[in-house]
Amino acid sequence: MLFKSILPVLLLLNCTVATSAYAYIDPNTGGFFFQTVAPFVYGILGVIVIFWKKITGFVKGLFGSKRDKGSSFSDS
């Protein structure tokens, strides 16, 4: 009975106590990450810039009211 009540406490204590990992992260890891992620981010931004008018026209078409489609201020 005592073992069943102590075991969860020991497992929780084992998970919460931090010890040294003795791990090594190569200094070039950040550069490698930047070189692989940055082109994707810049590519997505480039696509957004190229198709900006189509994107805004689509969004305006979704949220625009129906009476604004046929009339404009310059027509009157």
PDB file of N, CA and C in Angstrom:
ATOM      1  N   MET A   1       0.818  -1.191   0.000  1.00  0.00           N
ATOM      2  CA  MET A   1       0.000   0.000   0.000  1.00  0.00           C
ATOM      3  C   MET A   1       0.862   1.255   0.000  1.00  0.00           C
ATOM      4  N   LEU A   2       1.910   1.245   0.768  1.00  0.00           N
ATOM      5  CA  LEU A   2       2.805   2.387   0.837  1.00  0.00           C
ATOM      6  C   LEU A   2       3.505   2.610  -0.498  1.00  0.00           C
ATOM      7  N   PHE A   3       3.830   1.527  -1.202  1.00  0.00           N
ATOM      8  CA  PHE A   3       4.516   1.621  -2.494  1.00  0.00           C
ATOM      9  C   PHE A   3       3.623   2.298  -3.534  1.00  0.00           C
ATOM     10  N   LYS A   4       2.314   2.006  -3.518  1.00  0.00           N
ATOM     11  CA  LYS A   4       1.391   2.601  -4.484  1.00  0.00           C
ATOM     12  C   LYS A   4       1.212   4.099  -4.268  1.00  0.00           C
ATOM     13  N   SER A   5       1.374   4.579  -3.055  1.00  0.00           N
ATOM     14  CA  SER A   5       1.212   6.003  -2.803  1.00  0.00           C
ATOM     15  C   SER A   5       2.517   6.779  -3.016  1.00  0.00           C
ATOM     16  N   ILE A   6       3.651   6.128  -2.881  1.00  0.00           N
ATOM     17  CA  ILE A   6       4.932   6.794  -3.054  1.00  0.00           C
ATOM     18  C   ILE A   6       5.347   6.830  -4.526  1.00  0.00           C
ATOM     19  N   LEU A   7       4.971   5.837  -5.297  1.00  0.00           N
ATOM     20  CA  LEU A   7       5.383   5.741  -6.699  1.00  0.00           C
ATOM     21  C   LEU A   7       4.966   6.959  -7.528  1.00  0.00           C
ATOM     22  N   PRO A   8       3.722   7.425  -7.468  1.00  0.00           N
ATOM     23  CA  PRO A   8       3.381   8.630  -8.259  1.00  0.00           C
ATOM     24  C   PRO A   8       4.167   9.866  -7.840  1.00  0.00           C
ATOM     25  N   VAL A   9       4.432   9.992  -6.565  1.00  0.00           N
ATOM     26  CA  VAL A   9       5.210  11.135  -6.091  1.00  0.00           C
ATOM     27  C   VAL A   9       6.632  11.062  -6.630  1.00  0.00           C
ATOM     28  N   LEU A  10       7.221   9.898  -6.621  1.00  0.00           N
ATOM     29  CA  LEU A  10       8.578   9.739  -7.145  1.00  0.00           C
ATOM     30  C   LEU A  10       8.632   9.983  -8.650  1.00  0.00           C
ATOM     31  N   LEU A  11       7.631   9.532  -9.382  1.00  0.00           N
ATOM     32  CA  LEU A  11       7.601   9.769 -10.826  1.00  0.00           C
ATOM     33  C   LEU A  11       7.441  11.257 -11.138  1.00  0.00           C
ATOM     34  N   LEU A  12       6.587  11.929 -10.390  1.00  0.00           N
ATOM     35  CA  LEU A  12       6.410  13.368 -10.585  1.00  0.00           C
ATOM     36  C   LEU A  12       7.681  14.129 -10.239  1.00  0.00           C
ATOM     37  N   LEU A  13       8.327  13.743  -9.177  1.00  0.00           N
ATOM     38  CA  LEU A  13       9.578  14.382  -8.772  1.00  0.00           C
ATOM     39  C   LEU A  13      10.664  14.143  -9.809  1.00  0.00           C
ATOM     40  N   ASN A  14      10.709  12.975 -10.380  1.00  0.00           N
ATOM     41  CA  ASN A  14      11.695  12.646 -11.410  1.00  0.00           C
ATOM     42  C   ASN A  14      11.485  13.498 -12.664  1.00  0.00           C
ATOM     43  N   CYS A  15      10.230  13.811 -13.001  1.00  0.00           N
ATOM     44  CA  CYS A  15       9.943  14.605 -14.196  1.00  0.00           C
ATOM     45  C   CYS A  15      10.178  16.095 -13.979  1.00  0.00           C
ATOM     46  N   THR A  16      10.115  16.544 -12.741  1.00  0.00           N
ATOM     47  CA  THR A  16      10.230  17.981 -12.493  1.00  0.00           C
ATOM     48  C   THR A  16      11.639  18.442 -12.147  1.00  0.00           C
ATOM     49  N   VAL A  17      12.491  17.550 -11.723  1.00  0.00           N
ATOM     50  CA  VAL A  17      13.841  17.929 -11.347  1.00  0.00           C
ATOM     51  C   VAL A  17      14.695  18.009 -12.606  1.00  0.00           C
ATOM     52  N   ALA A  18      15.327  19.152 -12.818  1.00  0.00           N
ATOM     53  CA  ALA A  18      16.153  19.351 -14.005  1.00  0.00           C
ATOM     54  C   ALA A  18      17.594  18.942 -13.703  1.00  0.00           C
ATOM     55  N   THR A  19      18.149  18.209 -14.614  1.00  0.00           N
ATOM     56  CA  THR A  19      19.560  17.816 -14.501  1.00  0.00           C
ATOM     57  C   THR A  19      20.280  18.265 -15.761  1.00  0.00           C
ATOM     58  N   SER A  20      21.563  18.215 -15.746  1.00  0.00           N
ATOM     59  CA  SER A  20      22.354  18.598 -16.911  1.00  0.00           C
ATOM     60  C   SER A  20      22.162  17.580 -18.022  1.00  0.00           C
ATOM     61  N   ALA A  21      22.040  18.082 -19.239  1.00  0.00           N
ATOM     62  CA  ALA A  21      21.807  17.204 -20.375  1.00  0.00           C
ATOM     63  C   ALA A  21      23.121  16.759 -21.017  1.00  0.00           C
ATOM     64  N   TYR A  22      24.187  17.497 -20.827  1.00  0.00           N
ATOM     65  CA  TYR A  22      25.474  17.214 -21.452  1.00  0.00           C
ATOM     66  C   TYR A  22      25.330  17.081 -22.965  1.00  0.00           C
ATOM     67  N   ALA A  23      24.562  17.987 -23.540  1.00  0.00           N
ATOM     68  CA  ALA A  23      24.321  17.973 -24.973  1.00  0.00           C
ATOM     69  C   ALA A  23      25.160  19.059 -25.632  1.00  0.00           C
ATOM     70  N   TYR A  24      25.395  18.889 -26.908  1.00  0.00           N
ATOM     71  CA  TYR A  24      26.188  19.838 -27.678  1.00  0.00           C
ATOM     72  C   TYR A  24      25.369  20.281 -28.879  1.00  0.00           C
ATOM     73  N   ILE A  25      25.221  21.574 -29.028  1.00  0.00           N
ATOM     74  CA  ILE A  25      24.572  22.126 -30.206  1.00  0.00           C
ATOM     75  C   ILE A  25      25.646  22.839 -31.016  1.00  0.00           C
ATOM     76  N   ASP A  26      25.767  22.439 -32.245  1.00  0.00           N
ATOM     77  CA  ASP A  26      26.774  23.002 -33.129  1.00  0.00           C
ATOM     78  C   ASP A  26      26.497  24.496 -33.338  1.00  0.00           C
ATOM     79  N   PRO A  27      27.518  25.349 -33.305  1.00  0.00           N
ATOM     80  CA  PRO A  27      27.305  26.786 -33.503  1.00  0.00           C
ATOM     81  C   PRO A  27      26.695  27.130 -34.860  1.00  0.00           C
ATOM     82  N   ASN A  28      26.869  26.282 -35.847  1.00  0.00           N
ATOM     83  CA  ASN A  28      26.352  26.563 -37.177  1.00  0.00           C
ATOM     84  C   ASN A  28      24.888  26.153 -37.334  1.00  0.00           C
ATOM     85  N   THR A  29      24.275  25.614 -36.292  1.00  0.00           N
ATOM     86  CA  THR A  29      22.892  25.166 -36.383  1.00  0.00           C
ATOM     87  C   THR A  29      21.953  26.331 -36.659  1.00  0.00           C
ATOM     88  N   GLY A  30      22.172  27.469 -36.045  1.00  0.00           N
ATOM     89  CA  GLY A  30      21.335  28.642 -36.298  1.00  0.00           C
ATOM     90  C   GLY A  30      21.441  29.117 -37.733  1.00  0.00           C
ATOM     91  N   GLY A  31      22.636  29.108 -38.272  1.00  0.00           N
ATOM     92  CA  GLY A  31      22.823  29.503 -39.664  1.00  0.00           C
ATOM     93  C   GLY A  31      22.147  28.551 -40.623  1.00  0.00           C
ATOM     94  N   PHE A  32      22.225  27.270 -40.336  1.00  0.00           N
ATOM     95  CA  PHE A  32      21.565  26.270 -41.181  1.00  0.00           C
ATOM     96  C   PHE A  32      20.053  26.448 -41.131  1.00  0.00           C
ATOM     97  N   PHE A  33      19.517  26.690 -39.949  1.00  0.00           N
ATOM     98  CA  PHE A  33      18.080  26.909 -39.808  1.00  0.00           C
ATOM     99  C   PHE A  33      17.653  28.149 -40.587  1.00  0.00           C
ATOM    100  N   PHE A  34      18.430  29.224 -40.476  1.00  0.00           N
ATOM    101  CA  PHE A  34      18.101  30.458 -41.184  1.00  0.00           C
ATOM    102  C   PHE A  34      18.162  30.258 -42.693  1.00  0.00           C
ATOM    103  N   GLN A  35      19.141  29.506 -43.158  1.00  0.00           N
ATOM    104  CA  GLN A  35      19.296  29.300 -44.597  1.00  0.00           C
ATOM    105  C   GLN A  35      18.194  28.418 -45.176  1.00  0.00           C
ATOM    106  N   THR A  36      17.563  27.616 -44.367  1.00  0.00           N
ATOM    107  CA  THR A  36      16.491  26.771 -44.887  1.00  0.00           C
ATOM    108  C   THR A  36      15.117  27.401 -44.713  1.00  0.00           C
ATOM    109  N   VAL A  37      14.909  28.190 -43.670  1.00  0.00           N
ATOM    110  CA  VAL A  37      13.592  28.774 -43.415  1.00  0.00           C
ATOM    111  C   VAL A  37      13.423  30.108 -44.139  1.00  0.00           C
ATOM    112  N   ALA A  38      14.446  30.920 -44.200  1.00  0.00           N
ATOM    113  CA  ALA A  38      14.345  32.249 -44.796  1.00  0.00           C
ATOM    114  C   ALA A  38      13.879  32.222 -46.257  1.00  0.00           C
ATOM    115  N   PRO A  39      14.378  31.335 -47.119  1.00  0.00           N
ATOM    116  CA  PRO A  39      13.871  31.338 -48.503  1.00  0.00           C
ATOM    117  C   PRO A  39      12.376  31.052 -48.605  1.00  0.00           C
ATOM    118  N   PHE A  40      11.860  30.173 -47.747  1.00  0.00           N
ATOM    119  CA  PHE A  40      10.427  29.909 -47.772  1.00  0.00           C
ATOM    120  C   PHE A  40       9.628  31.133 -47.345  1.00  0.00           C
ATOM    121  N   VAL A  41      10.089  31.820 -46.322  1.00  0.00           N
ATOM    122  CA  VAL A  41       9.393  33.021 -45.851  1.00  0.00           C
ATOM    123  C   VAL A  41       9.435  34.102 -46.922  1.00  0.00           C
ATOM    124  N   TYR A  42      10.587  34.313 -47.520  1.00  0.00           N
ATOM    125  CA  TYR A  42      10.706  35.333 -48.559  1.00  0.00           C
ATOM    126  C   TYR A  42       9.916  34.947 -49.809  1.00  0.00           C
ATOM    127  N   GLY A  43       9.839  33.683 -50.108  1.00  0.00           N
ATOM    128  CA  GLY A  43       9.041  33.231 -51.247  1.00  0.00           C
ATOM    129  C   GLY A  43       7.562  33.497 -51.031  1.00  0.00           C
ATOM    130  N   ILE A  44       7.067  33.205 -49.837  1.00  0.00           N
ATOM    131  CA  ILE A  44       5.666  33.459 -49.528  1.00  0.00           C
ATOM    132  C   ILE A  44       5.371  34.959 -49.570  1.00  0.00           C
ATOM    133  N   LEU A  45       6.277  35.765 -49.026  1.00  0.00           N
ATOM    134  CA  LEU A  45       6.096  37.218 -49.090  1.00  0.00           C
ATOM    135  C   LEU A  45       6.108  37.718 -50.532  1.00  0.00           C
ATOM    136  N   GLY A  46       6.957  37.145 -51.370  1.00  0.00           N
ATOM    137  CA  GLY A  46       6.997  37.542 -52.778  1.00  0.00           C
ATOM    138  C   GLY A  46       5.702  37.212 -53.503  1.00  0.00           C
ATOM    139  N   VAL A  47       5.133  36.050 -53.225  1.00  0.00           N
ATOM    140  CA  VAL A  47       3.860  35.679 -53.840  1.00  0.00           C
ATOM    141  C   VAL A  47       2.758  36.625 -53.388  1.00  0.00           C
ATOM    142  N   ILE A  48       2.764  37.001 -52.115  1.00  0.00           N
ATOM    143  CA  ILE A  48       1.759  37.940 -51.608  1.00  0.00           C
ATOM    144  C   ILE A  48       1.896  39.295 -52.295  1.00  0.00           C
ATOM    145  N   VAL A  49       3.129  39.765 -52.477  1.00  0.00           N
ATOM    146  CA  VAL A  49       3.342  41.066 -53.130  1.00  0.00           C
ATOM    147  C   VAL A  49       2.895  41.021 -54.581  1.00  0.00           C
ATOM    148  N   ILE A  50       3.181  39.934 -55.281  1.00  0.00           N
ATOM    149  CA  ILE A  50       2.825  39.839 -56.697  1.00  0.00           C
ATOM    150  C   ILE A  50       1.310  39.779 -56.881  1.00  0.00           C
ATOM    151  N   PHE A  51       0.640  39.019 -56.036  1.00  0.00           N
ATOM    152  CA  PHE A  51      -0.797  38.828 -56.189  1.00  0.00           C
ATOM    153  C   PHE A  51      -1.621  39.677 -55.220  1.00  0.00           C
ATOM    154  N   TRP A  52      -1.085  40.798 -54.734  1.00  0.00           N
ATOM    155  CA  TRP A  52      -1.763  41.607 -53.727  1.00  0.00           C
ATOM    156  C   TRP A  52      -3.126  42.123 -54.198  1.00  0.00           C
ATOM    157  N   LYS A  53      -3.211  42.599 -55.430  1.00  0.00           N
ATOM    158  CA  LYS A  53      -4.479  43.143 -55.930  1.00  0.00           C
ATOM    159  C   LYS A  53      -5.541  42.051 -56.052  1.00  0.00           C
ATOM    160  N   LYS A  54      -5.143  40.877 -56.473  1.00  0.00           N
ATOM    161  CA  LYS A  54      -6.105  39.774 -56.571  1.00  0.00           C
ATOM    162  C   LYS A  54      -6.565  39.329 -55.188  1.00  0.00           C
ATOM    163  N   ILE A  55      -5.646  39.326 -54.227  1.00  0.00           N
ATOM    164  CA  ILE A  55      -5.996  38.915 -52.867  1.00  0.00           C
ATOM    165  C   ILE A  55      -6.966  39.918 -52.249  1.00  0.00           C
ATOM    166  N   THR A  56      -6.657  41.217 -52.379  1.00  0.00           N
ATOM    167  CA  THR A  56      -7.543  42.229 -51.792  1.00  0.00           C
ATOM    168  C   THR A  56      -8.889  42.263 -52.508  1.00  0.00           C
ATOM    169  N   GLY A  57      -8.904  42.052 -53.825  1.00  0.00           N
ATOM    170  CA  GLY A  57     -10.168  42.003 -54.558  1.00  0.00           C
ATOM    171  C   GLY A  57     -11.030  40.831 -54.117  1.00  0.00           C
ATOM    172  N   PHE A  58     -10.403  39.697 -53.859  1.00  0.00           N
ATOM    173  CA  PHE A  58     -11.137  38.529 -53.386  1.00  0.00           C
ATOM    174  C   PHE A  58     -11.726  38.773 -52.008  1.00  0.00           C
ATOM    175  N   VAL A  59     -10.926  39.365 -51.109  1.00  0.00           N
ATOM    176  CA  VAL A  59     -11.408  39.638 -49.751  1.00  0.00           C
ATOM    177  C   VAL A  59     -12.529  40.685 -49.783  1.00  0.00           C
ATOM    178  N   LYS A  60     -12.376  41.707 -50.592  1.00  0.00           N
ATOM    179  CA  LYS A  60     -13.435  42.708 -50.711  1.00  0.00           C
ATOM    180  C   LYS A  60     -14.699  42.096 -51.292  1.00  0.00           C
ATOM    181  N   GLY A  61     -14.555  41.165 -52.201  1.00  0.00           N
ATOM    182  CA  GLY A  61     -15.729  40.483 -52.754  1.00  0.00           C
ATOM    183  C   GLY A  61     -16.439  39.628 -51.719  1.00  0.00           C
ATOM    184  N   LEU A  62     -15.697  39.083 -50.787  1.00  0.00           N
ATOM    185  CA  LEU A  62     -16.314  38.272 -49.738  1.00  0.00           C
ATOM    186  C   LEU A  62     -17.073  39.122 -48.737  1.00  0.00           C
ATOM    187  N   PHE A  63     -16.512  40.266 -48.355  1.00  0.00           N
ATOM    188  CA  PHE A  63     -17.083  41.077 -47.296  1.00  0.00           C
ATOM    189  C   PHE A  63     -17.811  42.320 -47.783  1.00  0.00           C
ATOM    190  N   GLY A  64     -17.802  42.592 -49.075  1.00  0.00           N
ATOM    191  CA  GLY A  64     -18.479  43.779 -49.596  1.00  0.00           C
ATOM    192  C   GLY A  64     -19.986  43.583 -49.634  1.00  0.00           C
ATOM    193  N   SER A  65     -20.718  44.671 -49.531  1.00  0.00           N
ATOM    194  CA  SER A  65     -22.176  44.571 -49.583  1.00  0.00           C
ATOM    195  C   SER A  65     -22.626  44.505 -51.042  1.00  0.00           C
ATOM    196  N   LYS A  66     -23.821  43.975 -51.278  1.00  0.00           N
ATOM    197  CA  LYS A  66     -24.304  43.758 -52.641  1.00  0.00           C
ATOM    198  C   LYS A  66     -24.699  45.072 -53.327  1.00  0.00           C
ATOM    199  N   ARG A  67     -25.140  46.066 -52.591  1.00  0.00           N
ATOM    200  CA  ARG A  67     -25.539  47.317 -53.225  1.00  0.00           C
ATOM    201  C   ARG A  67     -24.334  48.161 -53.636  1.00  0.00           C
ATOM    202  N   ASP A  68     -23.154  47.913 -53.074  1.00  0.00           N
ATOM    203  CA  ASP A  68     -21.960  48.668 -53.444  1.00  0.00           C
ATOM    204  C   ASP A  68     -21.346  48.189 -54.762  1.00  0.00           C
ATOM    205  N   LYS A  69     -21.737  47.021 -55.236  1.00  0.00           N
ATOM    206  CA  LYS A  69     -21.126  46.478 -56.455  1.00  0.00           C
ATOM    207  C   LYS A  69     -21.523  47.258 -57.706  1.00  0.00           C
ATOM    208  N   GLY A  70     -22.776  47.677 -57.807  1.00  0.00           N
ATOM    209  CA  GLY A  70     -23.230  48.348 -59.002  1.00  0.00           C
ATOM    210  C   GLY A  70     -23.049  49.853 -58.993  1.00  0.00           C
ATOM    211  N   SER A  71     -22.913  50.441 -57.834  1.00  0.00           N
ATOM    212  CA  SER A  71     -22.837  51.898 -57.782  1.00  0.00           C
ATOM    213  C   SER A  71     -21.478  52.349 -57.303  1.00  0.00           C
ATOM    214  N   SER A  72     -21.076  53.513 -57.762  1.00  0.00           N
ATOM    215  CA  SER A  72     -19.828  54.125 -57.290  1.00  0.00           C
ATOM    216  C   SER A  72     -20.040  55.627 -57.240  1.00  0.00           C
ATOM    217  N   PHE A  73     -19.168  56.300 -56.565  1.00  0.00           N
ATOM    218  CA  PHE A  73     -19.289  57.743 -56.420  1.00  0.00           C
ATOM    219  C   PHE A  73     -18.968  58.472 -57.725  1.00  0.00           C
ATOM    220  N   SER A  74     -18.159  57.888 -58.573  1.00  0.00           N
ATOM    221  CA  SER A  74     -17.766  58.574 -59.801  1.00  0.00           C
ATOM    222  C   SER A  74     -18.839  58.481 -60.873  1.00  0.00           C
ATOM    223  N   ASP A  75     -19.827  57.560 -60.734  1.00  0.00           N
ATOM    224  CA  ASP A  75     -20.871  57.423 -61.738  1.00  0.00           C
ATOM    225  C   ASP A  75     -21.886  58.577 -61.673  1.00  0.00           C
ATOM    226  N   SER A  76     -22.104  59.178 -60.527  1.00  0.00           N
ATOM    227  CA  SER A  76     -23.135  60.211 -60.405  1.00  0.00           C
ATOM    228  C   SER A  76     -22.654  61.596 -60.698  1.00  0.00           C
TER     229      SER A  76
END
